[in-house]
Amino acid sequence: MEYQDFINAVATRAKVSTDQAATLTRATLETLAGRISAGQAEDLAYQLPEGLDDCLREPLRREHATSSFGLEEFVQRVGDRPGVDRALAGAGVRAALTTLREAVSRDEFDDAVAQLPTEFWQVIEPVGAGGGRRPGS
């Protein structure tokens, strides 16, 4: 998936402008990078287009301390990032994670989400006809 396709998909899903979608996507991916292992973040980054891959890599360079927190705090952290409209954070997280699921291999996505509480699956929409089952269901 190309960068603009990813951003357009997030914009459509979240019902926001492409500028807002880009900001929400970056905030979501950066927050995700702090929530999953460094190796898993790198595996996801490898499959993302240039311009999004750095969102998963740059936080690793600064300091990568995997924190355990749930969906509510995840959305709050996205909403606290510079340039993010807090009212759009929930929709942005849902859209960005769903688009991420579409953009990377199923195995890599499942490995990443396996590091998150099962409540995250509640916000990730099924993708395509072959979306398959959700872990834990």
Protein backbone atom coordinates (compact mmCIF):
# COMPACT_ATOMS: atom_id res chain seq x y z
CA MET A 1 0.00 0.00 0.00
CA GLU A 2 1.31 3.45 -0.92
CA TYR A 3 1.48 6.34 1.55
CA GLN A 4 -1.35 8.33 -0.01
CA ASP A 5 -3.57 5.23 -0.24
CA PHE A 6 -3.05 4.61 3.48
CA ILE A 7 -3.87 8.22 4.40
CA ASN A 8 -6.90 8.28 2.09
CA ALA A 9 -8.21 5.08 3.68
CA VAL A 10 -7.82 6.56 7.17
CA ALA A 11 -9.50 9.80 6.06
CA THR A 12 -12.45 7.88 4.63
CA ARG A 13 -12.83 5.61 7.65
CA ALA A 14 -12.50 8.43 10.20
CA LYS A 15 -14.48 10.91 8.08
CA VAL A 16 -11.74 13.55 8.33
CA SER A 17 -9.60 15.53 5.90
CA THR A 18 -6.43 13.95 4.56
CA ASP A 19 -4.37 16.42 6.63
CA GLN A 20 -6.17 15.31 9.79
CA ALA A 21 -5.82 11.68 8.72
CA ALA A 22 -2.07 12.04 8.31
CA THR A 23 -1.75 13.58 11.79
CA LEU A 24 -3.98 10.93 13.37
CA THR A 25 -2.13 8.12 11.59
CA ARG A 26 1.28 9.32 12.72
CA ALA A 27 0.05 9.79 16.29
CA THR A 28 -1.51 6.31 16.35
CA LEU A 29 1.57 4.59 14.93
CA GLU A 30 3.92 6.45 17.28
CA THR A 31 1.74 5.49 20.25
CA LEU A 32 1.61 1.90 19.03
CA ALA A 33 5.41 1.83 18.80
CA GLY A 34 5.56 2.63 22.51
CA ARG A 35 3.08 -0.10 23.34
CA ILE A 36 4.52 -3.10 21.46
CA SER A 37 8.00 -4.62 21.44
CA ALA A 38 10.74 -2.85 19.49
CA GLY A 39 11.17 -5.89 17.26
CA GLN A 40 7.49 -6.02 16.41
CA ALA A 41 7.40 -2.29 15.71
CA GLU A 42 10.34 -2.75 13.33
CA ASP A 43 8.60 -5.67 11.61
CA LEU A 44 5.51 -3.51 11.01
CA ALA A 45 7.62 -0.53 9.89
CA TYR A 46 9.33 -2.70 7.30
CA GLN A 47 5.97 -3.32 5.61
CA LEU A 48 4.75 0.29 5.65
CA PRO A 49 5.37 2.91 2.97
CA GLU A 50 8.04 5.56 3.33
CA GLY A 51 6.62 8.38 5.41
CA LEU A 52 4.82 6.04 7.79
CA ASP A 53 7.56 3.56 8.60
CA ASP A 54 9.45 6.22 10.56
CA CYS A 55 6.49 6.59 12.94
CA LEU A 56 7.26 3.14 14.25
CA ARG A 57 11.04 3.56 14.14
CA GLU A 58 11.68 7.09 15.48
CA PRO A 59 10.14 6.46 18.91
CA LEU A 60 12.48 3.47 19.15
CA ARG A 61 15.51 5.69 18.70
CA ARG A 62 14.44 8.13 21.39
CA GLU A 63 13.73 5.49 24.01
CA HIS A 64 11.65 2.41 23.75
CA ALA A 65 10.09 1.44 27.02
CA THR A 66 7.12 -0.74 26.29
CA SER A 67 4.34 0.46 28.53
CA SER A 68 1.31 -1.56 29.46
CA PHE A 69 -1.88 0.41 29.03
CA GLY A 70 -5.31 -0.27 27.66
CA LEU A 71 -7.37 1.10 24.82
CA GLU A 72 -8.75 4.09 26.73
CA GLU A 73 -5.29 5.34 27.65
CA PHE A 74 -4.04 4.57 24.14
CA VAL A 75 -6.72 6.84 22.65
CA GLN A 76 -5.96 9.47 25.29
CA ARG A 77 -2.25 9.39 24.44
CA VAL A 78 -3.05 9.78 20.74
CA GLY A 79 -5.31 12.71 21.60
CA ASP A 80 -2.54 14.32 23.66
CA ARG A 81 -0.09 14.38 20.75
CA PRO A 82 0.66 17.74 19.10
CA GLY A 83 -1.72 18.67 16.31
CA VAL A 84 -4.33 16.02 17.16
CA ASP A 85 -7.92 17.09 17.73
CA ARG A 86 -8.83 15.14 20.88
CA ALA A 87 -12.43 14.79 19.68
CA LEU A 88 -11.16 12.84 16.67
CA ALA A 89 -8.67 10.60 18.48
CA GLY A 90 -11.01 7.62 18.92
CA ALA A 91 -12.13 7.61 15.30
CA GLY A 92 -8.53 8.15 14.20
CA VAL A 93 -7.23 5.21 16.22
CA ARG A 94 -9.96 2.96 14.83
CA ALA A 95 -9.28 4.06 11.26
CA ALA A 96 -5.49 3.90 11.50
CA LEU A 97 -5.41 0.45 13.15
CA THR A 98 -7.93 -0.91 10.66
CA THR A 99 -5.90 0.48 7.75
CA LEU A 100 -2.71 -0.91 9.29
CA ARG A 101 -4.38 -4.32 9.34
CA GLU A 102 -5.07 -3.93 5.64
CA ALA A 103 -1.55 -2.69 4.81
CA VAL A 104 0.64 -5.33 6.46
CA SER A 105 0.66 -9.10 6.42
CA ARG A 106 -1.91 -10.84 8.56
CA ASP A 107 0.79 -12.60 10.59
CA GLU A 108 2.62 -9.37 11.43
CA PHE A 109 -0.59 -7.60 12.35
CA ASP A 110 -1.78 -10.49 14.51
CA ASP A 111 1.63 -10.65 16.22
CA ALA A 112 1.44 -6.93 17.04
CA VAL A 113 -2.15 -7.01 18.30
CA ALA A 114 -1.37 -10.10 20.38
CA GLN A 115 0.77 -7.75 22.52
CA LEU A 116 -2.28 -5.57 23.21
CA PRO A 117 -5.30 -6.20 25.43
CA THR A 118 -8.17 -7.95 23.64
CA GLU A 119 -10.24 -4.77 23.89
CA PHE A 120 -8.25 -3.41 20.93
CA TRP A 121 -10.03 -5.90 18.66
CA GLN A 122 -13.29 -4.10 19.47
CA VAL A 123 -12.15 -1.05 17.50
CA ILE A 124 -10.47 -2.80 14.57
CA GLU A 125 -12.95 -3.29 11.77
CA PRO A 126 -12.90 -6.50 9.73
CA VAL A 127 -11.08 -5.90 6.46
CA GLY A 128 -12.12 -7.41 3.15
CA ALA A 129 -14.09 -10.56 2.54
CA GLY A 130 -11.33 -12.78 3.95
CA GLY A 131 -10.89 -10.87 7.19
CA GLY A 132 -10.80 -14.13 9.11
CA ARG A 133 -11.41 -14.58 12.78
CA ARG A 134 -10.17 -12.30 15.50
CA PRO A 135 -7.84 -13.79 18.09
CA GLY A 136 -9.71 -14.69 21.23
CA SER A 137 -13.03 -15.10 19.45
